[in-house]
N, C-alpha and C. Protein backbone atom coordinates (compact mmCIF):
# COMPACT_ATOMS: atom_id res chain seq x y z
N MET A 1 151.01 94.46 -36.68
CA MET A 1 150.41 93.14 -36.76
C MET A 1 150.87 92.35 -35.53
N GLY A 2 149.98 91.59 -34.99
CA GLY A 2 150.39 90.87 -33.81
C GLY A 2 149.60 89.60 -33.60
N GLY A 3 149.97 88.90 -32.55
CA GLY A 3 149.33 87.65 -32.23
C GLY A 3 150.22 86.48 -32.62
N LYS A 4 149.73 85.30 -32.31
CA LYS A 4 150.47 84.09 -32.64
C LYS A 4 150.46 83.86 -34.15
N ARG A 5 151.64 83.53 -34.68
CA ARG A 5 151.78 83.28 -36.11
C ARG A 5 152.00 81.78 -36.37
N CYS A 6 151.87 81.41 -37.63
CA CYS A 6 152.28 80.08 -38.05
C CYS A 6 153.77 79.94 -37.71
N ALA A 7 154.17 78.76 -37.28
CA ALA A 7 155.54 78.55 -36.78
C ALA A 7 156.62 78.92 -37.79
N TRP A 8 156.39 78.70 -39.07
CA TRP A 8 157.41 78.98 -40.08
C TRP A 8 157.69 80.47 -40.23
N ALA A 9 156.76 81.31 -39.82
CA ALA A 9 156.85 82.74 -40.11
C ALA A 9 157.70 83.53 -39.14
N ASP A 10 158.18 82.93 -38.10
CA ASP A 10 158.96 83.69 -37.12
C ASP A 10 160.46 83.60 -37.35
N SER A 11 160.87 83.09 -38.51
CA SER A 11 162.30 82.89 -38.76
C SER A 11 163.06 84.18 -39.04
N ASP A 12 162.42 85.18 -39.64
CA ASP A 12 163.10 86.44 -39.95
C ASP A 12 162.06 87.51 -40.25
N PRO A 13 162.45 88.79 -40.25
CA PRO A 13 161.48 89.86 -40.48
C PRO A 13 160.77 89.79 -41.83
N LEU A 14 161.48 89.42 -42.90
CA LEU A 14 160.82 89.32 -44.20
C LEU A 14 159.73 88.26 -44.20
N SER A 15 160.02 87.13 -43.59
CA SER A 15 159.02 86.05 -43.51
C SER A 15 157.81 86.49 -42.68
N ARG A 16 158.06 87.20 -41.58
CA ARG A 16 156.95 87.68 -40.75
C ARG A 16 156.05 88.63 -41.55
N THR A 17 156.66 89.59 -42.23
CA THR A 17 155.88 90.55 -43.02
C THR A 17 155.10 89.84 -44.12
N TYR A 18 155.78 88.93 -44.82
CA TYR A 18 155.12 88.17 -45.88
C TYR A 18 153.92 87.39 -45.32
N HIS A 19 154.12 86.70 -44.22
CA HIS A 19 153.06 85.94 -43.57
C HIS A 19 151.92 86.85 -43.14
N ASP A 20 152.25 87.97 -42.50
CA ASP A 20 151.24 88.85 -41.92
C ASP A 20 150.44 89.62 -42.96
N GLU A 21 151.03 89.85 -44.13
CA GLU A 21 150.38 90.73 -45.10
C GLU A 21 149.97 90.05 -46.41
N GLU A 22 150.62 88.96 -46.78
CA GLU A 22 150.36 88.38 -48.10
C GLU A 22 149.94 86.92 -48.10
N TRP A 23 150.63 86.08 -47.38
CA TRP A 23 150.46 84.63 -47.50
C TRP A 23 149.03 84.21 -47.18
N GLY A 24 148.42 83.56 -48.14
CA GLY A 24 147.07 83.05 -47.94
C GLY A 24 145.96 84.01 -48.31
N VAL A 25 146.31 85.24 -48.64
CA VAL A 25 145.30 86.22 -49.05
C VAL A 25 144.92 85.93 -50.51
N PRO A 26 143.64 85.75 -50.81
CA PRO A 26 143.25 85.47 -52.19
C PRO A 26 143.73 86.55 -53.16
N VAL A 27 144.41 86.09 -54.21
CA VAL A 27 144.96 86.97 -55.24
C VAL A 27 144.18 86.73 -56.54
N HIS A 28 143.76 87.82 -57.15
CA HIS A 28 143.06 87.72 -58.43
C HIS A 28 143.75 88.55 -59.51
N ASP A 29 144.72 89.35 -59.11
CA ASP A 29 145.48 90.18 -60.04
C ASP A 29 146.38 89.30 -60.90
N GLU A 30 146.26 89.45 -62.20
CA GLU A 30 146.99 88.58 -63.13
C GLU A 30 148.51 88.67 -62.97
N ARG A 31 149.03 89.86 -62.83
CA ARG A 31 150.48 90.00 -62.71
C ARG A 31 150.98 89.39 -61.40
N LYS A 32 150.22 89.56 -60.32
CA LYS A 32 150.61 88.96 -59.04
C LYS A 32 150.56 87.43 -59.13
N LEU A 33 149.57 86.91 -59.82
CA LEU A 33 149.50 85.46 -59.99
C LEU A 33 150.71 84.95 -60.75
N PHE A 34 151.08 85.68 -61.81
CA PHE A 34 152.26 85.27 -62.56
C PHE A 34 153.52 85.40 -61.71
N GLU A 35 153.61 86.46 -60.93
CA GLU A 35 154.76 86.63 -60.04
C GLU A 35 154.89 85.43 -59.12
N PHE A 36 153.81 85.02 -58.50
CA PHE A 36 153.88 83.92 -57.55
C PHE A 36 154.20 82.59 -58.22
N ILE A 37 153.61 82.32 -59.38
CA ILE A 37 153.91 81.03 -60.03
C ILE A 37 155.37 81.02 -60.47
N MET A 38 155.88 82.17 -60.89
CA MET A 38 157.27 82.25 -61.30
C MET A 38 158.22 82.11 -60.10
N LEU A 39 157.92 82.81 -59.02
CA LEU A 39 158.79 82.74 -57.84
C LEU A 39 158.76 81.35 -57.21
N GLU A 40 157.60 80.71 -57.21
CA GLU A 40 157.54 79.35 -56.66
C GLU A 40 158.42 78.42 -57.48
N GLY A 41 158.44 78.59 -58.79
CA GLY A 41 159.33 77.79 -59.64
C GLY A 41 160.79 78.08 -59.36
N MET A 42 161.10 79.34 -59.12
CA MET A 42 162.48 79.72 -58.79
C MET A 42 162.91 79.13 -57.45
N GLN A 43 161.94 78.92 -56.57
CA GLN A 43 162.24 78.39 -55.24
C GLN A 43 162.67 76.92 -55.26
N ALA A 44 162.31 76.18 -56.28
CA ALA A 44 162.57 74.73 -56.30
C ALA A 44 163.99 74.43 -55.81
N GLY A 45 164.07 73.61 -54.77
CA GLY A 45 165.36 73.23 -54.20
C GLY A 45 165.93 74.24 -53.21
N LEU A 46 165.24 75.33 -53.01
CA LEU A 46 165.71 76.40 -52.11
C LEU A 46 164.63 76.65 -51.06
N ASN A 47 164.91 77.58 -50.15
CA ASN A 47 163.85 77.93 -49.19
C ASN A 47 163.22 79.26 -49.57
N TRP A 48 162.01 79.47 -49.09
CA TRP A 48 161.25 80.65 -49.47
C TRP A 48 161.92 81.93 -48.98
N ALA A 49 162.61 81.89 -47.85
CA ALA A 49 163.29 83.08 -47.34
C ALA A 49 164.31 83.59 -48.35
N THR A 50 164.99 82.69 -49.05
CA THR A 50 165.95 83.09 -50.09
C THR A 50 165.24 83.86 -51.19
N ILE A 51 164.08 83.39 -51.59
CA ILE A 51 163.32 84.05 -52.65
C ILE A 51 162.82 85.41 -52.17
N LEU A 52 162.32 85.48 -50.94
CA LEU A 52 161.85 86.76 -50.42
C LEU A 52 162.96 87.80 -50.41
N LYS A 53 164.16 87.39 -50.04
CA LYS A 53 165.30 88.32 -50.01
C LYS A 53 165.64 88.84 -51.40
N LYS A 54 165.37 88.05 -52.41
CA LYS A 54 165.71 88.42 -53.79
C LYS A 54 164.51 88.94 -54.58
N ARG A 55 163.37 89.03 -53.95
CA ARG A 55 162.13 89.35 -54.66
C ARG A 55 162.20 90.70 -55.39
N ASP A 56 162.69 91.73 -54.74
CA ASP A 56 162.80 93.03 -55.41
C ASP A 56 163.75 92.95 -56.60
N ASN A 57 164.83 92.19 -56.46
CA ASN A 57 165.76 92.01 -57.58
C ASN A 57 165.08 91.28 -58.73
N PHE A 58 164.27 90.27 -58.40
CA PHE A 58 163.51 89.56 -59.44
C PHE A 58 162.59 90.53 -60.17
N ARG A 59 161.93 91.40 -59.41
CA ARG A 59 161.01 92.36 -60.04
C ARG A 59 161.75 93.24 -61.05
N LEU A 60 162.93 93.68 -60.67
CA LEU A 60 163.73 94.51 -61.58
C LEU A 60 164.21 93.70 -62.79
N ALA A 61 164.76 92.54 -62.53
CA ALA A 61 165.36 91.73 -63.59
C ALA A 61 164.32 91.21 -64.58
N PHE A 62 163.12 90.92 -64.09
CA PHE A 62 162.07 90.33 -64.93
C PHE A 62 160.93 91.30 -65.20
N ASP A 63 161.28 92.56 -65.43
CA ASP A 63 160.29 93.56 -65.87
C ASP A 63 159.00 93.53 -65.06
N ASP A 64 159.15 93.52 -63.74
CA ASP A 64 158.00 93.53 -62.83
C ASP A 64 157.02 92.39 -63.14
N PHE A 65 157.58 91.26 -63.58
CA PHE A 65 156.80 90.05 -63.85
C PHE A 65 155.73 90.27 -64.92
N ASP A 66 156.06 91.06 -65.91
CA ASP A 66 155.14 91.29 -67.02
C ASP A 66 155.32 90.17 -68.04
N PRO A 67 154.36 89.23 -68.12
CA PRO A 67 154.54 88.10 -69.03
C PRO A 67 154.67 88.52 -70.49
N GLU A 68 154.03 89.61 -70.87
CA GLU A 68 154.11 90.11 -72.25
C GLU A 68 155.55 90.48 -72.61
N LYS A 69 156.28 91.03 -71.66
CA LYS A 69 157.68 91.38 -71.90
C LYS A 69 158.58 90.16 -71.81
N ILE A 70 158.29 89.29 -70.85
CA ILE A 70 159.15 88.12 -70.61
C ILE A 70 159.14 87.17 -71.81
N VAL A 71 158.01 87.01 -72.48
CA VAL A 71 157.97 86.09 -73.63
C VAL A 71 158.91 86.55 -74.75
N ALA A 72 159.26 87.82 -74.76
CA ALA A 72 160.12 88.37 -75.82
C ALA A 72 161.61 88.29 -75.47
N TYR A 73 161.95 87.73 -74.31
CA TYR A 73 163.36 87.65 -73.93
C TYR A 73 164.13 86.81 -74.93
N ASP A 74 165.30 87.30 -75.29
CA ASP A 74 166.16 86.60 -76.25
C ASP A 74 167.39 86.04 -75.54
N LYS A 75 168.31 85.47 -76.32
CA LYS A 75 169.51 84.86 -75.76
C LYS A 75 170.35 85.87 -74.98
N GLN A 76 170.41 87.11 -75.46
CA GLN A 76 171.17 88.14 -74.77
C GLN A 76 170.57 88.44 -73.39
N LYS A 77 169.25 88.52 -73.34
CA LYS A 77 168.58 88.78 -72.06
C LYS A 77 168.81 87.61 -71.10
N VAL A 78 168.76 86.39 -71.61
CA VAL A 78 169.04 85.22 -70.76
C VAL A 78 170.47 85.30 -70.24
N ALA A 79 171.42 85.66 -71.09
CA ALA A 79 172.82 85.80 -70.67
C ALA A 79 172.94 86.88 -69.60
N ASP A 80 172.24 87.98 -69.78
CA ASP A 80 172.26 89.06 -68.77
C ASP A 80 171.71 88.56 -67.44
N LEU A 81 170.61 87.81 -67.49
CA LEU A 81 170.01 87.28 -66.27
C LEU A 81 170.94 86.29 -65.57
N LEU A 82 171.65 85.50 -66.35
CA LEU A 82 172.60 84.54 -65.76
C LEU A 82 173.77 85.22 -65.05
N ARG A 83 174.01 86.48 -65.36
CA ARG A 83 175.07 87.24 -64.69
C ARG A 83 174.55 88.07 -63.51
N ASP A 84 173.24 88.12 -63.35
CA ASP A 84 172.63 88.97 -62.33
C ASP A 84 172.70 88.28 -60.96
N LYS A 85 173.58 88.77 -60.10
CA LYS A 85 173.78 88.16 -58.77
C LYS A 85 172.59 88.37 -57.83
N GLY A 86 171.67 89.23 -58.22
CA GLY A 86 170.52 89.51 -57.37
C GLY A 86 169.38 88.51 -57.49
N ILE A 87 169.49 87.59 -58.45
CA ILE A 87 168.42 86.60 -58.65
C ILE A 87 169.00 85.19 -58.57
N ILE A 88 168.17 84.20 -58.78
CA ILE A 88 168.63 82.81 -58.86
C ILE A 88 169.14 82.62 -60.29
N ARG A 89 170.43 82.36 -60.41
CA ARG A 89 171.06 82.28 -61.74
C ARG A 89 171.13 80.83 -62.21
N ASN A 90 169.99 80.30 -62.51
CA ASN A 90 169.88 78.91 -62.96
C ASN A 90 169.26 78.96 -64.36
N ARG A 91 170.02 78.52 -65.35
CA ARG A 91 169.56 78.61 -66.74
C ARG A 91 168.21 77.93 -66.94
N LEU A 92 168.02 76.73 -66.37
CA LEU A 92 166.76 76.02 -66.57
C LEU A 92 165.58 76.80 -65.99
N LYS A 93 165.79 77.41 -64.83
CA LYS A 93 164.71 78.18 -64.21
C LYS A 93 164.43 79.47 -64.99
N ILE A 94 165.46 80.10 -65.48
CA ILE A 94 165.27 81.32 -66.28
C ILE A 94 164.55 81.00 -67.59
N GLU A 95 164.98 79.95 -68.25
CA GLU A 95 164.31 79.55 -69.49
C GLU A 95 162.87 79.10 -69.21
N ALA A 96 162.66 78.47 -68.06
CA ALA A 96 161.31 78.07 -67.69
C ALA A 96 160.42 79.29 -67.47
N ALA A 97 160.98 80.35 -66.89
CA ALA A 97 160.20 81.58 -66.68
C ALA A 97 159.70 82.12 -68.01
N ILE A 98 160.54 82.04 -69.03
CA ILE A 98 160.15 82.54 -70.36
C ILE A 98 159.08 81.65 -70.98
N SER A 99 159.29 80.34 -70.94
CA SER A 99 158.27 79.45 -71.51
C SER A 99 156.99 79.47 -70.68
N ASN A 100 157.11 79.65 -69.37
CA ASN A 100 155.91 79.74 -68.52
C ASN A 100 155.12 81.00 -68.82
N ALA A 101 155.83 82.09 -69.16
CA ALA A 101 155.13 83.32 -69.54
C ALA A 101 154.29 83.06 -70.78
N ARG A 102 154.84 82.34 -71.73
CA ARG A 102 154.11 82.00 -72.96
C ARG A 102 152.87 81.15 -72.62
N ALA A 103 153.06 80.13 -71.79
CA ALA A 103 151.95 79.26 -71.41
C ALA A 103 150.89 80.03 -70.61
N PHE A 104 151.34 80.92 -69.74
CA PHE A 104 150.44 81.76 -68.96
C PHE A 104 149.56 82.60 -69.88
N LEU A 105 150.18 83.23 -70.87
CA LEU A 105 149.42 84.06 -71.82
C LEU A 105 148.45 83.22 -72.65
N ASP A 106 148.86 82.02 -73.02
CA ASP A 106 147.97 81.11 -73.75
C ASP A 106 146.74 80.77 -72.91
N ILE A 107 146.96 80.48 -71.63
CA ILE A 107 145.85 80.16 -70.73
C ILE A 107 144.93 81.37 -70.59
N ARG A 108 145.52 82.54 -70.45
CA ARG A 108 144.72 83.76 -70.34
C ARG A 108 143.84 83.98 -71.57
N ARG A 109 144.42 83.73 -72.73
CA ARG A 109 143.63 83.87 -73.96
C ARG A 109 142.48 82.86 -73.99
N GLU A 110 142.75 81.65 -73.57
CA GLU A 110 141.74 80.59 -73.61
C GLU A 110 140.64 80.79 -72.57
N TYR A 111 141.00 81.22 -71.36
CA TYR A 111 140.05 81.30 -70.25
C TYR A 111 139.59 82.72 -69.92
N GLY A 112 140.17 83.70 -70.57
CA GLY A 112 139.84 85.08 -70.25
C GLY A 112 140.74 85.66 -69.17
N SER A 113 141.19 84.81 -68.27
CA SER A 113 142.15 85.21 -67.24
C SER A 113 142.78 83.95 -66.66
N PHE A 114 143.97 84.10 -66.11
CA PHE A 114 144.62 82.99 -65.43
C PHE A 114 143.82 82.63 -64.18
N ASP A 115 143.29 83.65 -63.53
CA ASP A 115 142.48 83.45 -62.34
C ASP A 115 141.28 82.55 -62.64
N SER A 116 140.62 82.77 -63.77
CA SER A 116 139.47 81.94 -64.15
C SER A 116 139.87 80.48 -64.38
N PHE A 117 141.08 80.29 -64.88
CA PHE A 117 141.61 78.94 -65.07
C PHE A 117 141.87 78.27 -63.71
N LEU A 118 142.38 79.03 -62.74
CA LEU A 118 142.80 78.46 -61.46
C LEU A 118 141.66 78.08 -60.52
N ARG A 119 140.66 78.92 -60.40
CA ARG A 119 139.67 78.78 -59.33
C ARG A 119 138.90 77.47 -59.33
N PRO A 120 138.59 76.86 -60.47
CA PRO A 120 137.90 75.57 -60.42
C PRO A 120 138.68 74.46 -59.70
N PHE A 121 140.00 74.61 -59.60
CA PHE A 121 140.79 73.58 -58.91
C PHE A 121 140.46 73.50 -57.42
N VAL A 122 139.84 74.55 -56.88
CA VAL A 122 139.41 74.53 -55.48
C VAL A 122 137.91 74.78 -55.38
N GLY A 123 137.19 74.42 -56.41
CA GLY A 123 135.73 74.55 -56.38
C GLY A 123 135.23 75.98 -56.42
N GLY A 124 136.05 76.90 -56.92
CA GLY A 124 135.61 78.27 -57.09
C GLY A 124 135.80 79.18 -55.89
N LYS A 125 136.17 78.61 -54.75
CA LYS A 125 136.40 79.44 -53.56
C LYS A 125 137.55 78.83 -52.77
N PRO A 126 138.23 79.66 -51.97
CA PRO A 126 139.37 79.15 -51.20
C PRO A 126 138.98 77.98 -50.30
N LYS A 127 139.85 77.02 -50.25
CA LYS A 127 139.65 75.85 -49.38
C LYS A 127 140.24 76.20 -48.01
N LYS A 128 139.42 76.10 -46.98
CA LYS A 128 139.85 76.44 -45.62
C LYS A 128 140.18 75.16 -44.87
N ASN A 129 141.46 74.96 -44.63
CA ASN A 129 141.90 73.80 -43.85
C ASN A 129 141.89 74.14 -42.38
N ALA A 130 142.12 73.18 -41.53
CA ALA A 130 142.09 73.41 -40.08
C ALA A 130 143.25 72.69 -39.41
N TRP A 131 144.46 73.06 -39.79
CA TRP A 131 145.66 72.42 -39.24
C TRP A 131 145.96 73.00 -37.86
N LYS A 132 146.29 72.11 -36.93
CA LYS A 132 146.63 72.56 -35.58
C LYS A 132 148.11 72.88 -35.44
N LYS A 133 148.94 72.20 -36.23
CA LYS A 133 150.38 72.47 -36.14
C LYS A 133 151.02 72.32 -37.52
N LEU A 134 152.16 72.92 -37.65
CA LEU A 134 152.88 72.97 -38.91
C LEU A 134 153.08 71.59 -39.53
N GLY A 135 153.40 70.60 -38.71
CA GLY A 135 153.67 69.26 -39.21
C GLY A 135 152.48 68.59 -39.88
N GLU A 136 151.29 69.09 -39.68
CA GLU A 136 150.10 68.51 -40.31
C GLU A 136 149.90 68.99 -41.75
N ILE A 137 150.50 70.12 -42.08
CA ILE A 137 150.27 70.72 -43.39
C ILE A 137 150.98 69.89 -44.46
N PRO A 138 150.24 69.45 -45.46
CA PRO A 138 150.85 68.60 -46.49
C PRO A 138 151.69 69.42 -47.47
N ALA A 139 152.52 68.73 -48.21
CA ALA A 139 153.33 69.37 -49.26
C ALA A 139 152.59 69.37 -50.59
N THR A 140 151.61 68.49 -50.72
CA THR A 140 150.80 68.38 -51.94
C THR A 140 149.37 68.04 -51.53
N SER A 141 148.50 68.09 -52.52
CA SER A 141 147.10 67.71 -52.30
C SER A 141 146.55 67.20 -53.63
N PRO A 142 145.40 66.56 -53.60
CA PRO A 142 144.80 66.16 -54.87
C PRO A 142 144.59 67.37 -55.81
N GLU A 143 144.26 68.52 -55.22
CA GLU A 143 144.07 69.73 -56.02
C GLU A 143 145.38 70.21 -56.65
N SER A 144 146.47 70.15 -55.89
CA SER A 144 147.76 70.57 -56.46
C SER A 144 148.25 69.56 -57.48
N ASP A 145 147.93 68.28 -57.28
CA ASP A 145 148.26 67.27 -58.29
C ASP A 145 147.56 67.60 -59.61
N ALA A 146 146.27 67.93 -59.51
CA ALA A 146 145.48 68.24 -60.71
C ALA A 146 145.98 69.54 -61.37
N LEU A 147 146.29 70.55 -60.57
CA LEU A 147 146.80 71.81 -61.12
C LEU A 147 148.14 71.59 -61.81
N SER A 148 149.01 70.83 -61.18
CA SER A 148 150.32 70.53 -61.76
C SER A 148 150.16 69.84 -63.11
N LYS A 149 149.30 68.84 -63.16
CA LYS A 149 149.07 68.10 -64.40
C LYS A 149 148.54 69.03 -65.49
N ALA A 150 147.60 69.90 -65.13
CA ALA A 150 147.02 70.83 -66.10
C ALA A 150 148.06 71.84 -66.59
N LEU A 151 148.86 72.39 -65.69
CA LEU A 151 149.88 73.36 -66.09
C LEU A 151 150.93 72.71 -66.98
N LYS A 152 151.40 71.55 -66.58
CA LYS A 152 152.41 70.85 -67.39
C LYS A 152 151.88 70.52 -68.78
N SER A 153 150.60 70.13 -68.85
CA SER A 153 150.03 69.79 -70.17
C SER A 153 149.94 71.02 -71.07
N ARG A 154 150.00 72.20 -70.46
CA ARG A 154 149.95 73.44 -71.23
C ARG A 154 151.34 74.06 -71.41
N GLY A 155 152.38 73.31 -71.03
CA GLY A 155 153.74 73.75 -71.29
C GLY A 155 154.49 74.36 -70.13
N PHE A 156 153.90 74.42 -68.95
CA PHE A 156 154.62 74.96 -67.80
C PHE A 156 155.74 74.01 -67.37
N LYS A 157 156.83 74.61 -66.93
CA LYS A 157 157.96 73.88 -66.35
C LYS A 157 158.12 74.33 -64.92
N PHE A 158 158.79 73.52 -64.10
CA PHE A 158 158.90 73.80 -62.67
C PHE A 158 157.51 74.04 -62.10
N ALA A 159 156.64 73.10 -62.37
CA ALA A 159 155.25 73.20 -61.93
C ALA A 159 154.77 71.87 -61.36
N GLY A 160 155.65 71.23 -60.58
CA GLY A 160 155.26 69.99 -59.93
C GLY A 160 154.23 70.23 -58.84
N SER A 161 153.70 69.17 -58.29
CA SER A 161 152.62 69.29 -57.31
C SER A 161 153.05 70.06 -56.07
N THR A 162 154.27 69.88 -55.60
CA THR A 162 154.74 70.61 -54.41
C THR A 162 154.81 72.11 -54.71
N ILE A 163 155.34 72.47 -55.85
CA ILE A 163 155.39 73.88 -56.25
C ILE A 163 153.97 74.43 -56.39
N CYS A 164 153.09 73.65 -56.99
CA CYS A 164 151.71 74.11 -57.16
C CYS A 164 151.01 74.28 -55.82
N TYR A 165 151.28 73.39 -54.87
CA TYR A 165 150.64 73.53 -53.56
C TYR A 165 151.15 74.80 -52.86
N ALA A 166 152.44 75.05 -52.93
CA ALA A 166 152.99 76.27 -52.33
C ALA A 166 152.37 77.50 -52.99
N PHE A 167 152.20 77.45 -54.30
CA PHE A 167 151.55 78.54 -55.04
C PHE A 167 150.12 78.72 -54.54
N MET A 168 149.39 77.62 -54.41
CA MET A 168 148.00 77.69 -53.96
C MET A 168 147.91 78.29 -52.56
N GLN A 169 148.85 77.96 -51.70
CA GLN A 169 148.89 78.55 -50.36
C GLN A 169 149.16 80.06 -50.46
N ALA A 170 150.15 80.41 -51.26
CA ALA A 170 150.57 81.81 -51.37
C ALA A 170 149.45 82.71 -51.87
N VAL A 171 148.70 82.25 -52.87
CA VAL A 171 147.68 83.10 -53.51
C VAL A 171 146.28 82.86 -52.93
N GLY A 172 146.20 82.20 -51.79
CA GLY A 172 144.93 82.07 -51.10
C GLY A 172 143.94 81.12 -51.70
N MET A 173 144.41 80.19 -52.53
CA MET A 173 143.50 79.15 -53.01
C MET A 173 143.19 78.16 -51.90
N VAL A 174 144.14 78.03 -50.97
CA VAL A 174 143.94 77.25 -49.75
C VAL A 174 144.40 78.10 -48.58
N ASN A 175 143.70 77.98 -47.47
CA ASN A 175 144.09 78.66 -46.24
C ASN A 175 144.79 77.63 -45.37
N ASP A 176 146.10 77.70 -45.33
CA ASP A 176 146.88 76.77 -44.51
C ASP A 176 147.51 77.44 -43.31
N HIS A 177 146.97 78.60 -42.90
CA HIS A 177 147.39 79.14 -41.61
C HIS A 177 146.90 78.16 -40.56
N THR A 178 147.71 77.91 -39.54
CA THR A 178 147.25 77.03 -38.47
C THR A 178 146.11 77.73 -37.72
N VAL A 179 145.24 76.93 -37.10
CA VAL A 179 144.03 77.48 -36.49
C VAL A 179 144.34 78.45 -35.35
N ASP A 180 145.52 78.36 -34.75
CA ASP A 180 145.87 79.28 -33.66
C ASP A 180 146.57 80.55 -34.16
N CYS A 181 146.76 80.66 -35.46
CA CYS A 181 147.42 81.82 -36.05
C CYS A 181 146.41 82.97 -36.17
N PHE A 182 146.86 84.18 -35.85
CA PHE A 182 145.96 85.33 -35.91
C PHE A 182 145.44 85.60 -37.32
N ARG A 183 146.13 85.08 -38.35
CA ARG A 183 145.69 85.30 -39.73
C ARG A 183 144.65 84.28 -40.21
N TYR A 184 144.47 83.20 -39.46
CA TYR A 184 143.61 82.11 -39.90
C TYR A 184 142.22 82.61 -40.31
N ASP A 185 141.55 83.34 -39.42
CA ASP A 185 140.21 83.83 -39.74
C ASP A 185 140.24 85.08 -40.62
N GLN A 186 141.32 85.82 -40.57
CA GLN A 186 141.41 87.06 -41.36
C GLN A 186 141.43 86.80 -42.85
N VAL A 187 142.06 85.72 -43.30
CA VAL A 187 142.17 85.49 -44.74
C VAL A 187 141.03 84.67 -45.31
N SER A 188 140.15 84.21 -44.46
CA SER A 188 139.02 83.38 -44.91
C SER A 188 137.91 84.21 -45.49
């Protein structure tokens, strides 16, 4: 992969690979959507590079982000997760992952898929922005405000507008690659 990247992506090899292969690519796979909403919640107060470094550990610790398994986690599993040095050991975030799995499954039952629930927030297709530099990219949008409100009303935790906007960027609901980035036209 080559060419000019978004400025944030040159900080380390994991960030470059994530940027070049995943960030902004539309995701419709239910488990991947749950993975991203869960990891974005885990990121709260931290940087994304920290989450990327721990991503494989999260996959192991949280049953490959299977919401059906996560909803069944009990106090012992939470205690085990709190001792796992490979993940973010924050009780509120771990408990939120469990309750978010429940809310995710409820949405899936109601809408047929989580993807079907999400897409109307961007009019059914990815929103293509045209930012020239990193500083122009917002932390929230009216769409992320609406998604946050909808998720919270359905029981999601760690689902504020900033987290929702980062999620929307990650799963390709919005294309926030800068216009000079080689991925800008590729993910559209």
